[in-house]
Amino acid sequence: MKLEEWLEFFRKHRELKVFHFDHLRTLTDLDRHSLRVALKRLNERRIIRRICRGLYANPFNAPTLEEISAEIRKPSYISLESALYRHGILSQMPQILTCVTLQLPREFRTSFGTIQYRRIQKAYFFGFKRENDHFCAEPEKALVDFLYLNKRGDTEGMIQDMNLKELDSKKLKAYAKKMKISLT
């Protein structure tokens, strides 16, 4: 495909913010090698942005880092420091987007930012809501996830800097009990 055809292709599919390599193969009918070469050239010319292996951003409708996080690891939801900041509990914005998943923990450095995935047991995979094209932990669940996944670390200093006034204490206690976390 020529550059103009690629631009028209991405314009035509602007509702898709992230393209998976296999999805592009289906939509374009290109073989694996030809598509790889074409995507490499488009990325080098800064027509598209490679997010990570096998994922590309639509130049006519760029995804947010949150939307990208939902595409890289499924299922996952934004939690820990990232969700605590979004809910106004932490005042300092984290440098990376932190998510919880059922898959192995991993960090992805993308051209949009860094995403860290922390693994949690399936029984503890709850307490999140859909926000547009991704999921985010409720503030109480983000705090319990933080305590659960940082058991060995020093969380006391960070908790002292948190604004916990807006949290639903009943929900917080219920989530902590379900995840066997002590709040005292």
Protein backbone atom coordinates (compact mmCIF):
# COMPACT_ATOMS: atom_id res chain seq x y z
CA MET A 1 0.00 0.00 0.00
CA LYS A 2 1.17 3.51 -0.77
CA LEU A 3 1.33 6.25 1.84
CA GLU A 4 -1.91 7.85 0.65
CA GLU A 5 -3.67 4.47 0.90
CA TRP A 6 -2.40 3.97 4.43
CA LEU A 7 -3.56 7.42 5.46
CA GLU A 8 -6.99 6.75 3.96
CA PHE A 9 -7.08 3.36 5.71
CA PHE A 10 -6.38 4.89 9.14
CA ARG A 11 -8.83 7.74 8.47
CA LYS A 12 -11.51 5.21 7.48
CA HIS A 13 -10.91 3.24 10.71
CA ARG A 14 -10.58 6.24 13.02
CA GLU A 15 -12.99 4.66 15.53
CA LEU A 16 -10.19 2.17 16.32
CA LYS A 17 -7.58 3.82 18.47
CA VAL A 18 -5.28 0.81 18.77
CA PHE A 19 -4.53 -1.69 16.02
CA HIS A 20 -3.31 -5.19 16.76
CA PHE A 21 -0.93 -6.67 14.20
CA ASP A 22 -3.26 -9.61 13.43
CA HIS A 23 -6.22 -7.26 13.12
CA LEU A 24 -4.27 -5.19 10.59
CA ARG A 25 -3.44 -8.37 8.65
CA THR A 26 -7.14 -9.18 8.40
CA LEU A 27 -8.14 -5.66 7.40
CA THR A 28 -5.38 -5.16 4.83
CA ASP A 29 -4.96 -8.69 3.39
CA LEU A 30 -1.17 -8.22 3.55
CA ASP A 31 1.06 -11.16 4.42
CA ARG A 32 3.02 -11.02 7.70
CA HIS A 33 6.33 -9.93 6.17
CA SER A 34 4.86 -7.19 3.96
CA LEU A 35 2.81 -5.81 6.82
CA ARG A 36 5.82 -5.81 9.17
CA VAL A 37 7.90 -3.91 6.62
CA ALA A 38 5.07 -1.43 5.94
CA LEU A 39 4.48 -0.79 9.67
CA LYS A 40 8.20 -0.33 10.30
CA ARG A 41 8.39 2.24 7.50
CA LEU A 42 5.25 4.05 8.69
CA ASN A 43 6.66 4.17 12.22
CA GLU A 44 10.04 5.47 10.99
CA ARG A 45 8.28 8.21 9.01
CA ARG A 46 6.21 9.03 12.12
CA ILE A 47 2.93 8.33 10.35
CA ILE A 48 1.96 5.83 13.06
CA ARG A 49 3.32 5.15 16.54
CA ARG A 50 4.33 1.69 17.61
CA ILE A 51 3.03 1.23 21.15
CA CYS A 52 4.73 -2.07 21.91
CA ARG A 53 5.20 -5.36 20.13
CA GLY A 54 2.17 -5.95 17.91
CA LEU A 55 0.26 -2.77 18.86
CA TYR A 56 0.03 0.46 16.87
CA ALA A 57 -1.77 3.75 17.49
CA ASN A 58 -4.16 5.22 14.96
CA PRO A 59 -2.69 8.57 13.84
CA PHE A 60 -6.20 10.02 13.40
CA ASN A 61 -7.46 9.04 16.85
CA ALA A 62 -4.57 8.51 19.26
CA PRO A 63 -5.31 6.46 22.38
CA THR A 64 -4.64 7.58 25.93
CA LEU A 65 -2.19 5.66 28.09
CA GLU A 66 -5.20 4.32 30.04
CA GLU A 67 -6.79 2.98 26.86
CA ILE A 68 -3.48 1.41 25.86
CA SER A 69 -3.21 -0.30 29.26
CA ALA A 70 -6.55 -2.00 28.65
CA GLU A 71 -5.31 -3.33 25.30
CA ILE A 72 -1.93 -4.66 26.42
CA ARG A 73 -3.20 -6.83 29.29
CA LYS A 74 -6.71 -8.22 29.46
CA PRO A 75 -8.24 -8.33 31.97
CA SER A 76 -6.75 -5.41 33.88
CA TYR A 77 -7.77 -2.27 35.70
CA ILE A 78 -5.99 0.89 36.81
CA SER A 79 -5.24 0.77 40.53
CA LEU A 80 -2.69 1.50 43.25
CA GLU A 81 -1.00 4.92 43.08
CA SER A 82 -2.51 5.74 39.68
CA ALA A 83 -6.11 5.25 40.82
CA LEU A 84 -5.42 6.85 44.20
CA TYR A 85 -4.16 9.96 42.39
CA ARG A 86 -7.16 9.99 40.01
CA HIS A 87 -9.54 9.85 42.99
CA GLY A 88 -7.75 12.72 44.77
CA ILE A 89 -6.34 10.55 47.56
CA LEU A 90 -2.71 11.08 46.52
CA SER A 91 -1.60 14.60 45.70
CA GLN A 92 1.49 13.70 43.68
CA MET A 93 0.98 12.36 40.18
CA PRO A 94 2.76 9.03 39.67
CA GLN A 95 5.36 8.79 36.91
CA ILE A 96 3.98 5.48 35.62
CA LEU A 97 0.49 4.07 35.16
CA THR A 98 -0.04 1.17 37.55
CA CYS A 99 -2.58 -1.55 36.78
CA VAL A 100 -3.71 -4.81 38.33
CA THR A 101 -4.05 -7.97 36.25
CA LEU A 102 -4.47 -11.71 36.60
CA GLN A 103 -1.48 -12.25 34.32
CA LEU A 104 2.21 -12.21 35.19
CA PRO A 105 3.56 -8.85 36.40
CA ARG A 106 5.36 -6.83 33.74
CA GLU A 107 6.36 -3.32 32.83
CA PHE A 108 5.85 -1.87 29.35
CA ARG A 109 7.72 1.25 28.22
CA THR A 110 5.67 2.66 25.38
CA SER A 111 6.03 5.83 23.33
CA PHE A 112 2.98 7.08 25.29
CA GLY A 113 4.38 6.34 28.76
CA THR A 114 5.24 3.47 31.09
CA ILE A 115 2.65 0.97 32.30
CA GLN A 116 3.33 -1.39 35.18
CA TYR A 117 1.11 -4.41 35.74
CA ARG A 118 0.92 -6.03 39.17
CA ARG A 119 -0.56 -9.50 39.58
CA ILE A 120 -3.39 -10.27 41.95
CA GLN A 121 -5.31 -13.45 42.75
CA LYS A 122 -8.54 -14.04 40.85
CA ALA A 123 -10.53 -13.93 44.12
CA TYR A 124 -9.28 -10.36 44.66
CA PHE A 125 -10.05 -9.16 41.14
CA PHE A 126 -13.06 -6.93 41.91
CA GLY A 127 -13.93 -3.39 42.95
CA PHE A 128 -13.44 -1.58 39.66
CA LYS A 129 -15.69 0.28 37.22
CA ARG A 130 -15.65 0.97 33.51
CA GLU A 131 -14.48 4.43 32.53
CA ASN A 132 -14.77 4.91 28.77
CA ASP A 133 -12.48 2.29 27.19
CA HIS A 134 -10.77 1.04 30.35
CA PHE A 135 -11.45 0.00 33.94
CA CYS A 136 -10.40 1.83 37.11
CA ALA A 137 -10.45 0.71 40.75
CA GLU A 138 -12.84 2.37 43.13
CA PRO A 139 -10.87 4.50 45.61
CA GLU A 140 -11.36 2.02 48.47
CA LYS A 141 -10.21 -0.91 46.31
CA ALA A 142 -7.19 1.03 45.04
CA LEU A 143 -6.09 1.59 48.65
CA VAL A 144 -6.64 -2.07 49.59
CA ASP A 145 -4.76 -3.17 46.44
CA PHE A 146 -1.95 -0.81 47.44
CA LEU A 147 -1.74 -2.30 50.93
CA TYR A 148 -2.04 -5.88 49.66
CA LEU A 149 0.60 -5.58 46.93
CA ASN A 150 3.03 -3.59 49.10
CA LYS A 151 2.90 -5.80 52.21
CA ARG A 152 6.67 -5.98 52.47
CA GLY A 153 7.28 -2.30 51.74
CA ASP A 154 6.98 0.73 53.95
CA THR A 155 3.47 1.99 53.25
CA GLU A 156 3.01 3.88 56.52
CA GLY A 157 4.76 7.02 55.28
CA MET A 158 2.74 7.11 52.08
CA ILE A 159 -0.57 6.55 53.87
CA GLN A 160 0.13 9.53 56.14
CA ASP A 161 0.31 11.72 53.00
CA MET A 162 -3.05 10.44 51.66
CA ASN A 163 -6.36 12.28 51.84
CA LEU A 164 -8.56 9.47 53.20
CA LYS A 165 -11.54 11.65 54.24
CA GLU A 166 -13.63 10.92 51.14
CA LEU A 167 -13.37 7.13 51.39
CA ASP A 168 -16.42 5.04 52.24
CA SER A 169 -15.24 3.42 55.49
CA LYS A 170 -17.75 0.54 55.29
CA LYS A 171 -16.69 -0.33 51.76
CA LEU A 172 -13.01 0.00 52.70
CA LYS A 173 -13.43 -2.37 55.66
CA ALA A 174 -15.41 -4.87 53.54
CA TYR A 175 -12.76 -4.89 50.80
CA ALA A 176 -9.96 -5.21 53.37
CA LYS A 177 -11.73 -8.12 55.05
CA LYS A 178 -12.31 -9.90 51.75
CA MET A 179 -8.61 -9.54 50.88
CA LYS A 180 -7.46 -10.39 54.42
CA ILE A 181 -5.78 -7.01 54.97
CA SER A 182 -5.55 -5.38 58.38
CA LEU A 183 -6.33 -1.67 58.42
CA THR A 184 -4.96 -1.07 61.92
